[in-house]
Amino acid sequence: MNKATSWKKSEDLSDYLLNHEQYHFNLSQYYALKLDAQLEGIDDPKEAVRKLRSIQVDLSKAQTKYDSESDHDLNYDMQHYWEFKIDSVTTALIDSTHLTRKDLYTGLEFYNLDGFEKSKRFTDNGGFETEYEVNKYGLTVSINSVQNNQEEDPSSYREALIDFYSKDSMLVKQLDHIDFGKAHAYQAHIYDTTKNIIAFDYWLVDNWSIHILRAQKQTEQANIEGYQKIFNALSKSMNIMDFRSEWISLSAGNEQEISNVEKYDRNTHDGCMVIDEEVNQGFIPDFITDGRGNLLIPYTPVIHNDSLIETAILFFNDNIIESDISDSLVFLVPKEYLSEKAEVFIGYTLKADTVNICSTFYNSNFILERSLN
């Protein structure tokens, strides 16, 4: 985008001035969509005109407030806040289901910022961690979720957080404990003295996971009110789900084909599948029964990116279930297939290449006993 001169402050050049005008249009578009929704099913012309005039008044007030608070794009923090606000209400009006995102492997529901890139990894102590990150609205926003292997009581994390920040040369300007039902939440305003970064952190801790929302930016700009408003909205959207019930709901009616295969050994399958000997290729959050005696095994690959994976596979006894990879993959083993004890291999194969003729089955294996059901 070319630089444009501010009509309000001619000596200021900004790459962002045209974006300010774009959001005037986006705000008008939101009220147009709102009017369409209100006019649906109305046959009385007078009632339609009344609603039109009401929307016009609301739009005019909103446009004036937008210009005033953003100072025609000279208040960068409030400009970004208004962009976030306009995008949010428009998305909610068009399809509210896209406003939030559910990560069933970590049990976290959160605001679904457009452009979030997801990554997943194993931690040094063998725990599972996911991260969502995006640069948007003048901020770098990230959400990390990691298995809680700590021994501390979540209600006593305050001192641990202060110690954590001090080790990273971070100045804690504010740290508050927030009541969150069965979980515990901590909100921090910090300053990274080595990187010259301000950050807002929101920690959501229960006995299962630790979730950390961070919104940060370089401190060359003095005003941060708008950025704090964005952070507050993001933190309020975070919620810990009952992921077991979510998996049960997701698997309902999702029948998977179960095939019988010949006995396979540890080296090959069908002459052209090599069983990888490594462990911890993927992550299983829990074993779940659906109330009808069926077993649900949620699974996500970790070592390889989802885009590289051809097929997810579950071997148990002489049976095999294959599935396309997805962001919420769950294998369903009907109760009639469950034995008292079975060795289970769960994993995936990668897409074919010209180097390796045979597929490698990257897997984890375990003994499944009836007591798990």
Protein backbone atom coordinates (compact mmCIF):
# COMPACT_ATOMS: atom_id res chain seq x y z
CA MET A 1 0.00 0.00 0.00
CA ASN A 2 1.41 3.41 -0.94
CA LYS A 3 2.06 6.00 1.70
CA ALA A 4 -0.56 8.70 1.91
CA THR A 5 -0.49 12.10 3.56
CA SER A 6 -2.76 12.66 6.53
CA TRP A 7 -5.19 15.50 5.85
CA LYS A 8 -5.24 16.18 9.59
CA LYS A 9 -1.48 16.28 10.09
CA SER A 10 0.17 16.85 6.73
CA GLU A 11 3.71 16.17 7.93
CA ASP A 12 2.71 12.61 8.90
CA LEU A 13 3.19 9.89 6.32
CA SER A 14 1.63 6.51 6.99
CA ASP A 15 1.22 3.20 5.22
CA TYR A 16 -1.98 2.82 7.15
CA LEU A 17 -4.13 5.84 6.25
CA LEU A 18 -5.98 4.04 3.46
CA ASN A 19 -6.72 1.23 5.88
CA HIS A 20 -8.50 3.72 8.12
CA GLU A 21 -10.77 4.65 5.22
CA GLN A 22 -11.28 0.98 4.38
CA TYR A 23 -12.70 0.40 7.84
CA HIS A 24 -15.12 3.29 7.39
CA PHE A 25 -16.46 1.21 4.50
CA ASN A 26 -16.36 -2.00 6.58
CA LEU A 27 -18.36 -0.29 9.32
CA SER A 28 -20.97 0.79 6.76
CA GLN A 29 -21.07 -2.76 5.44
CA TYR A 30 -21.76 -4.09 8.95
CA TYR A 31 -24.75 -1.78 9.41
CA ALA A 32 -26.00 -2.68 5.92
CA LEU A 33 -25.94 -6.36 6.87
CA LYS A 34 -27.64 -5.52 10.14
CA LEU A 35 -30.37 -3.67 8.25
CA ASP A 36 -30.87 -6.63 5.90
CA ALA A 37 -31.39 -8.89 8.89
CA GLN A 38 -33.89 -6.50 10.46
CA LEU A 39 -35.87 -6.07 7.22
CA GLU A 40 -36.25 -9.79 6.63
CA GLY A 41 -39.93 -10.71 6.77
CA ILE A 42 -41.16 -7.09 7.06
CA ASP A 43 -43.87 -6.16 4.54
CA ASP A 44 -44.91 -2.80 5.97
CA PRO A 45 -43.07 0.00 4.06
CA LYS A 46 -43.41 2.43 6.99
CA GLU A 47 -41.81 -0.04 9.37
CA ALA A 48 -39.00 -0.62 6.86
CA VAL A 49 -38.35 3.12 6.56
CA ARG A 50 -38.34 3.47 10.36
CA LYS A 51 -35.69 0.77 10.67
CA LEU A 52 -33.66 2.33 7.87
CA ARG A 53 -33.61 5.71 9.60
CA SER A 54 -32.70 4.11 12.91
CA ILE A 55 -29.77 2.28 11.28
CA GLN A 56 -28.64 5.51 9.61
CA VAL A 57 -28.53 7.27 12.98
CA ASP A 58 -26.58 4.41 14.58
CA LEU A 59 -24.14 4.29 11.65
CA SER A 60 -23.51 8.03 11.80
CA LYS A 61 -22.79 7.85 15.54
CA ALA A 62 -20.46 4.87 15.07
CA GLN A 63 -18.53 6.55 12.24
CA THR A 64 -18.10 9.71 14.32
CA LYS A 65 -16.93 7.72 17.35
CA TYR A 66 -14.52 5.73 15.18
CA ASP A 67 -12.91 8.91 13.84
CA SER A 68 -12.81 10.50 17.28
CA GLU A 69 -11.23 7.59 19.16
CA SER A 70 -8.74 6.71 16.41
CA ASP A 71 -8.03 10.41 15.72
CA HIS A 72 -8.30 9.64 12.02
CA ASP A 73 -5.65 6.91 12.35
CA LEU A 74 -3.17 8.97 14.38
CA ASN A 75 -3.97 6.95 17.53
CA TYR A 76 -2.61 3.66 16.26
CA ASP A 77 -3.68 1.61 19.26
CA MET A 78 -7.31 2.72 19.02
CA GLN A 79 -7.25 2.37 15.23
CA HIS A 80 -6.29 -1.28 15.65
CA TYR A 81 -8.89 -1.78 18.36
CA TRP A 82 -11.62 -0.46 16.06
CA GLU A 83 -10.46 -2.78 13.29
CA PHE A 84 -10.69 -5.71 15.72
CA LYS A 85 -14.11 -4.53 16.91
CA ILE A 86 -15.54 -4.04 13.40
CA ASP A 87 -14.20 -7.40 12.19
CA SER A 88 -15.64 -9.14 15.26
CA VAL A 89 -19.19 -7.78 15.05
CA THR A 90 -19.30 -8.40 11.30
CA THR A 91 -18.17 -12.01 11.70
CA ALA A 92 -20.70 -12.53 14.50
CA LEU A 93 -23.47 -11.23 12.25
CA ILE A 94 -22.50 -13.34 9.23
CA ASP A 95 -21.66 -16.60 11.02
CA SER A 96 -21.08 -16.58 14.77
CA THR A 97 -19.71 -20.15 14.68
CA HIS A 98 -16.43 -18.78 13.26
CA LEU A 99 -15.88 -16.41 16.19
CA THR A 100 -14.45 -19.07 18.48
CA ARG A 101 -12.31 -22.13 17.94
CA LYS A 102 -12.20 -25.36 19.92
CA ASP A 103 -9.02 -27.34 20.41
CA LEU A 104 -10.32 -30.70 21.58
CA TYR A 105 -6.83 -32.05 22.30
CA THR A 106 -6.14 -29.40 24.94
CA GLY A 107 -9.71 -28.64 26.02
CA LEU A 108 -9.49 -24.92 25.22
CA GLU A 109 -12.05 -22.72 23.49
CA PHE A 110 -10.80 -19.31 22.36
CA TYR A 111 -11.36 -16.38 19.99
CA ASN A 112 -10.51 -17.49 16.47
CA LEU A 113 -8.35 -14.72 15.07
CA ASP A 114 -8.17 -14.88 11.29
CA GLY A 115 -4.74 -16.11 10.24
CA PHE A 116 -3.92 -18.17 13.33
CA GLU A 117 -1.18 -20.67 12.45
CA LYS A 118 -1.14 -23.83 14.54
CA SER A 119 1.90 -25.84 15.55
CA LYS A 120 2.29 -28.77 17.93
CA ARG A 121 5.25 -30.37 19.61
CA PHE A 122 6.44 -32.49 22.49
CA THR A 123 8.06 -30.67 25.38
CA ASP A 124 11.42 -31.67 26.86
CA ASN A 125 9.67 -33.63 29.61
CA GLY A 126 7.47 -35.51 27.12
CA GLY A 127 4.34 -33.39 27.49
CA PHE A 128 2.18 -32.22 24.59
CA GLU A 129 2.04 -28.56 23.58
CA THR A 130 0.10 -26.64 20.94
CA GLU A 131 0.62 -23.07 19.81
CA TYR A 132 -1.51 -20.69 17.76
CA GLU A 133 0.18 -17.50 16.56
CA VAL A 134 -0.65 -14.56 14.31
CA ASN A 135 0.52 -10.99 13.70
CA LYS A 136 -2.64 -8.93 13.57
CA TYR A 137 -4.02 -5.59 14.73
CA GLY A 138 -0.52 -4.32 15.51
CA LEU A 139 0.14 -7.19 17.92
CA THR A 140 1.81 -10.57 17.94
CA VAL A 141 -0.83 -12.81 19.51
CA SER A 142 -0.07 -16.35 20.64
CA ILE A 143 -1.94 -19.01 22.59
CA ASN A 144 0.07 -21.89 24.05
CA SER A 145 -1.46 -24.93 25.73
CA VAL A 146 0.71 -27.47 27.48
CA GLN A 147 0.01 -30.47 29.68
CA ASN A 148 0.20 -29.52 33.33
CA ASN A 149 2.97 -31.66 34.79
CA GLN A 150 3.62 -29.23 37.62
CA GLU A 151 3.20 -30.29 41.23
CA GLU A 152 2.15 -26.85 42.48
CA ASP A 153 -1.44 -26.14 43.39
CA PRO A 154 -2.82 -23.91 40.58
CA SER A 155 -4.13 -21.50 43.21
CA SER A 156 -0.57 -20.79 44.36
CA TYR A 157 0.97 -19.99 40.97
CA ARG A 158 1.43 -16.29 41.70
CA GLU A 159 4.89 -16.65 43.27
CA ALA A 160 5.92 -19.15 40.60
CA LEU A 161 4.95 -16.67 37.86
CA ILE A 162 6.88 -13.83 39.47
CA ASP A 163 9.92 -16.10 39.61
CA PHE A 164 9.35 -17.16 35.99
CA TYR A 165 9.24 -13.59 34.74
CA SER A 166 12.24 -12.43 36.77
CA LYS A 167 14.42 -15.20 35.29
CA ASP A 168 13.62 -13.87 31.80
CA SER A 169 14.47 -10.25 32.72
CA MET A 170 10.84 -9.23 32.60
CA LEU A 171 9.49 -6.45 34.77
CA VAL A 172 6.06 -7.33 36.18
CA LYS A 173 3.96 -4.18 36.19
CA GLN A 174 0.78 -5.93 37.27
CA LEU A 175 -0.19 -9.49 38.22
CA ASP A 176 -3.74 -10.33 39.28
CA HIS A 177 -5.40 -13.60 40.25
CA ILE A 178 -8.84 -14.02 38.68
CA ASP A 179 -11.47 -16.46 39.89
CA PHE A 180 -12.38 -18.91 37.13
CA GLY A 181 -14.59 -21.58 38.64
CA LYS A 182 -12.71 -24.87 38.91
CA ALA A 183 -9.66 -23.40 37.17
CA HIS A 184 -7.42 -20.47 38.08
CA ALA A 185 -6.57 -17.46 35.94
CA TYR A 186 -3.75 -14.95 36.23
CA GLN A 187 -3.45 -11.75 34.23
CA ALA A 188 -0.09 -10.00 33.90
CA HIS A 189 1.17 -6.79 32.33
CA ILE A 190 4.91 -7.13 31.78
CA TYR A 191 7.82 -5.33 30.18
CA ASP A 192 10.68 -7.26 28.59
CA THR A 193 13.71 -5.15 29.48
CA THR A 194 16.06 -6.92 27.04
CA LYS A 195 13.83 -6.91 23.94
CA ASN A 196 12.01 -3.63 24.64
CA ILE A 197 8.62 -5.34 24.40
CA ILE A 198 5.42 -4.81 26.33
CA ALA A 199 3.18 -7.82 26.76
CA PHE A 200 -0.12 -8.81 28.28
CA ASP A 201 -0.31 -12.40 29.51
CA TYR A 202 -3.34 -14.41 30.55
CA TRP A 203 -2.68 -17.73 32.29
CA LEU A 204 -5.53 -20.23 32.60
CA VAL A 205 -4.52 -23.19 34.76
CA ASP A 206 -6.28 -26.37 35.80
CA ASN A 207 -5.09 -29.84 36.77
CA TRP A 208 -5.01 -30.93 33.11
CA SER A 209 -3.42 -28.06 31.15
CA ILE A 210 -1.78 -24.66 31.34
CA HIS A 211 -3.04 -22.20 28.71
CA ILE A 212 -1.17 -18.94 28.07
CA LEU A 213 -2.51 -16.10 25.93
CA ARG A 214 0.07 -13.44 25.07
CA ALA A 215 -0.41 -10.19 23.15
CA GLN A 216 2.83 -8.26 22.70
CA LYS A 217 4.37 -5.40 20.76
CA GLN A 218 7.47 -3.23 20.58
CA THR A 219 7.32 -0.23 22.90
CA GLU A 220 8.14 2.55 20.44
CA GLN A 221 4.51 3.61 20.84
CA ALA A 222 3.39 5.17 24.10
CA ASN A 223 -0.37 4.59 23.84
CA ILE A 224 -1.49 1.03 24.58
CA GLU A 225 -5.14 1.44 25.64
CA GLY A 226 -6.50 0.00 22.39
CA TYR A 227 -4.15 -2.98 22.53
CA GLN A 228 -5.16 -3.72 26.10
CA LYS A 229 -8.82 -3.67 25.01
CA ILE A 230 -8.06 -6.24 22.31
CA PHE A 231 -6.23 -8.39 24.84
CA ASN A 232 -9.10 -8.13 27.34
CA ALA A 233 -11.59 -9.28 24.70
CA LEU A 234 -9.37 -12.21 23.73
CA SER A 235 -8.82 -13.29 27.34
CA LYS A 236 -12.54 -13.15 28.15
CA SER A 237 -13.24 -15.50 25.24
CA MET A 238 -11.03 -18.26 26.67
CA ASN A 239 -12.88 -21.15 28.23
CA ILE A 240 -12.00 -24.66 29.39
CA MET A 241 -14.28 -27.24 27.79
CA ASP A 242 -15.41 -30.70 28.79
CA PHE A 243 -13.45 -32.18 25.90
CA ARG A 244 -14.72 -35.71 26.58
CA SER A 245 -18.33 -34.75 25.85
CA GLU A 246 -17.13 -32.83 22.78
CA TRP A 247 -15.41 -35.95 21.43
CA ILE A 248 -18.51 -38.04 22.06
CA SER A 249 -20.66 -35.52 20.23
CA LEU A 250 -18.20 -35.35 17.34
CA SER A 251 -18.07 -39.12 16.91
CA ALA A 252 -21.86 -39.62 16.98
CA GLY A 253 -22.93 -41.05 13.64
CA ASN A 254 -19.36 -41.03 12.34
CA GLU A 255 -18.98 -44.67 11.36
CA GLN A 256 -15.53 -45.83 10.27
CA GLU A 257 -14.90 -48.90 8.16
CA ILE A 258 -13.17 -51.70 10.04
CA SER A 259 -11.22 -54.21 7.95
CA ASN A 260 -9.72 -57.53 8.92
CA VAL A 261 -6.04 -57.91 8.10
CA GLU A 262 -3.68 -60.83 8.16
CA LYS A 263 -1.36 -61.16 11.12
CA TYR A 264 1.49 -58.70 10.73
CA ASP A 265 4.87 -58.70 12.42
CA ARG A 266 6.99 -55.86 13.71
CA ASN A 267 8.82 -55.41 10.41
CA THR A 268 6.36 -55.39 7.54
CA HIS A 269 2.70 -55.23 6.60
CA ASP A 270 1.50 -56.33 3.16
CA GLY A 271 5.15 -56.55 2.18
CA CYS A 272 5.52 -52.78 1.95
CA MET A 273 4.84 -51.07 5.25
CA VAL A 274 7.74 -50.60 7.62
CA ILE A 275 6.84 -50.32 11.29
CA ASP A 276 8.79 -47.43 12.77
CA GLU A 277 10.32 -48.30 16.12
CA GLU A 278 10.14 -44.81 17.62
CA VAL A 279 7.60 -43.93 20.29
CA ASN A 280 5.61 -40.74 20.86
CA GLN A 281 4.86 -40.05 17.21
CA GLY A 282 1.46 -38.67 18.14
CA PHE A 283 -0.68 -37.63 21.07
CA ILE A 284 -3.76 -39.24 22.66
CA PRO A 285 -5.43 -36.92 25.21
CA ASP A 286 -7.56 -39.66 26.77
CA PHE A 287 -9.47 -42.90 26.23
CA ILE A 288 -13.19 -42.18 26.22
CA THR A 289 -16.30 -44.35 26.26
CA ASP A 290 -19.40 -42.97 24.63
CA GLY A 291 -22.01 -44.34 27.05
CA ARG A 292 -22.86 -47.25 24.74
CA GLY A 293 -19.73 -49.26 25.43
CA ASN A 294 -17.83 -48.06 22.36
CA LEU A 295 -14.27 -46.83 22.77
CA LEU A 296 -13.13 -43.47 21.40
CA ILE A 297 -9.43 -42.81 20.85
CA PRO A 298 -8.70 -39.17 19.90
CA TYR A 299 -5.38 -38.86 18.12
CA THR A 300 -3.21 -36.19 16.52
CA PRO A 301 0.20 -36.63 14.83
CA VAL A 302 2.96 -34.50 16.31
CA ILE A 303 6.31 -35.36 14.72
CA HIS A 304 5.17 -34.58 11.16
CA ASN A 305 3.03 -31.76 9.80
CA ASP A 306 -0.55 -32.72 8.95
CA SER A 307 -0.05 -31.62 5.33
CA LEU A 308 2.55 -34.40 4.85
CA ILE A 309 0.32 -37.20 6.10
CA GLU A 310 -1.49 -39.61 3.81
CA THR A 311 -3.53 -41.74 6.20
CA ALA A 312 -4.08 -42.17 9.92
CA ILE A 313 -4.22 -45.83 10.96
CA LEU A 314 -5.32 -47.83 14.00
CA PHE A 315 -4.32 -51.52 14.30
CA PHE A 316 -5.88 -53.63 17.04
CA ASN A 317 -5.90 -57.44 17.13
CA ASP A 318 -6.49 -58.43 13.49
CA ASN A 319 -8.39 -55.27 12.63
CA ILE A 320 -7.49 -52.00 10.98
CA ILE A 321 -9.22 -48.62 10.79
CA GLU A 322 -7.97 -46.02 8.33
CA SER A 323 -8.98 -42.36 8.38
CA ASP A 324 -8.17 -39.11 6.65
CA ILE A 325 -6.22 -36.73 8.82
CA SER A 326 -8.22 -33.88 10.33
CA ASP A 327 -7.95 -31.24 13.02
CA SER A 328 -10.18 -33.36 15.27
CA LEU A 329 -9.44 -37.01 14.49
CA VAL A 330 -11.00 -39.70 16.65
CA PHE A 331 -11.01 -43.47 16.11
CA LEU A 332 -14.18 -45.27 17.17
CA VAL A 333 -13.83 -48.92 18.19
CA PRO A 334 -17.28 -50.56 18.53
CA LYS A 335 -17.79 -52.52 21.74
CA GLU A 336 -18.16 -55.82 19.88
CA TYR A 337 -14.56 -55.48 18.67
CA LEU A 338 -13.15 -54.93 22.13
CA SER A 339 -11.35 -57.86 23.71
CA GLU A 340 -10.09 -58.37 27.23
CA LYS A 341 -6.61 -57.38 26.15
CA ALA A 342 -5.18 -56.13 22.86
CA GLU A 343 -1.95 -54.65 21.55
CA VAL A 344 -2.79 -51.44 19.75
CA PHE A 345 -0.74 -49.57 17.16
CA ILE A 346 -1.92 -46.06 16.32
CA GLY A 347 -0.19 -43.73 13.89
CA TYR A 348 0.04 -42.63 10.29
CA THR A 349 1.84 -42.95 6.97
CA LEU A 350 3.28 -40.09 4.96
CA LYS A 351 2.43 -39.21 1.39
CA ALA A 352 4.40 -41.25 -1.16
CA ASP A 353 7.66 -39.98 -2.62
CA THR A 354 10.05 -41.26 -5.27
CA VAL A 355 12.76 -42.20 -2.77
CA ASN A 356 10.95 -44.57 -0.44
CA ILE A 357 8.84 -47.18 -2.18
CA CYS A 358 7.50 -48.58 1.06
CA SER A 359 5.48 -46.54 3.52
CA THR A 360 6.75 -46.05 7.05
CA PHE A 361 4.11 -46.49 9.73
CA TYR A 362 4.93 -43.85 12.34
CA ASN A 363 3.18 -45.08 15.42
CA SER A 364 2.77 -45.41 19.13
CA ASN A 365 1.79 -48.74 20.61
CA PHE A 366 0.26 -49.75 23.92
CA ILE A 367 -1.64 -52.55 25.58
CA LEU A 368 -5.36 -51.88 25.79
CA GLU A 369 -7.10 -53.71 28.60
CA ARG A 370 -10.81 -54.09 29.16
CA SER A 371 -10.54 -52.14 32.41
CA LEU A 372 -10.06 -48.99 30.34
CA ASN A 373 -13.65 -49.18 29.08
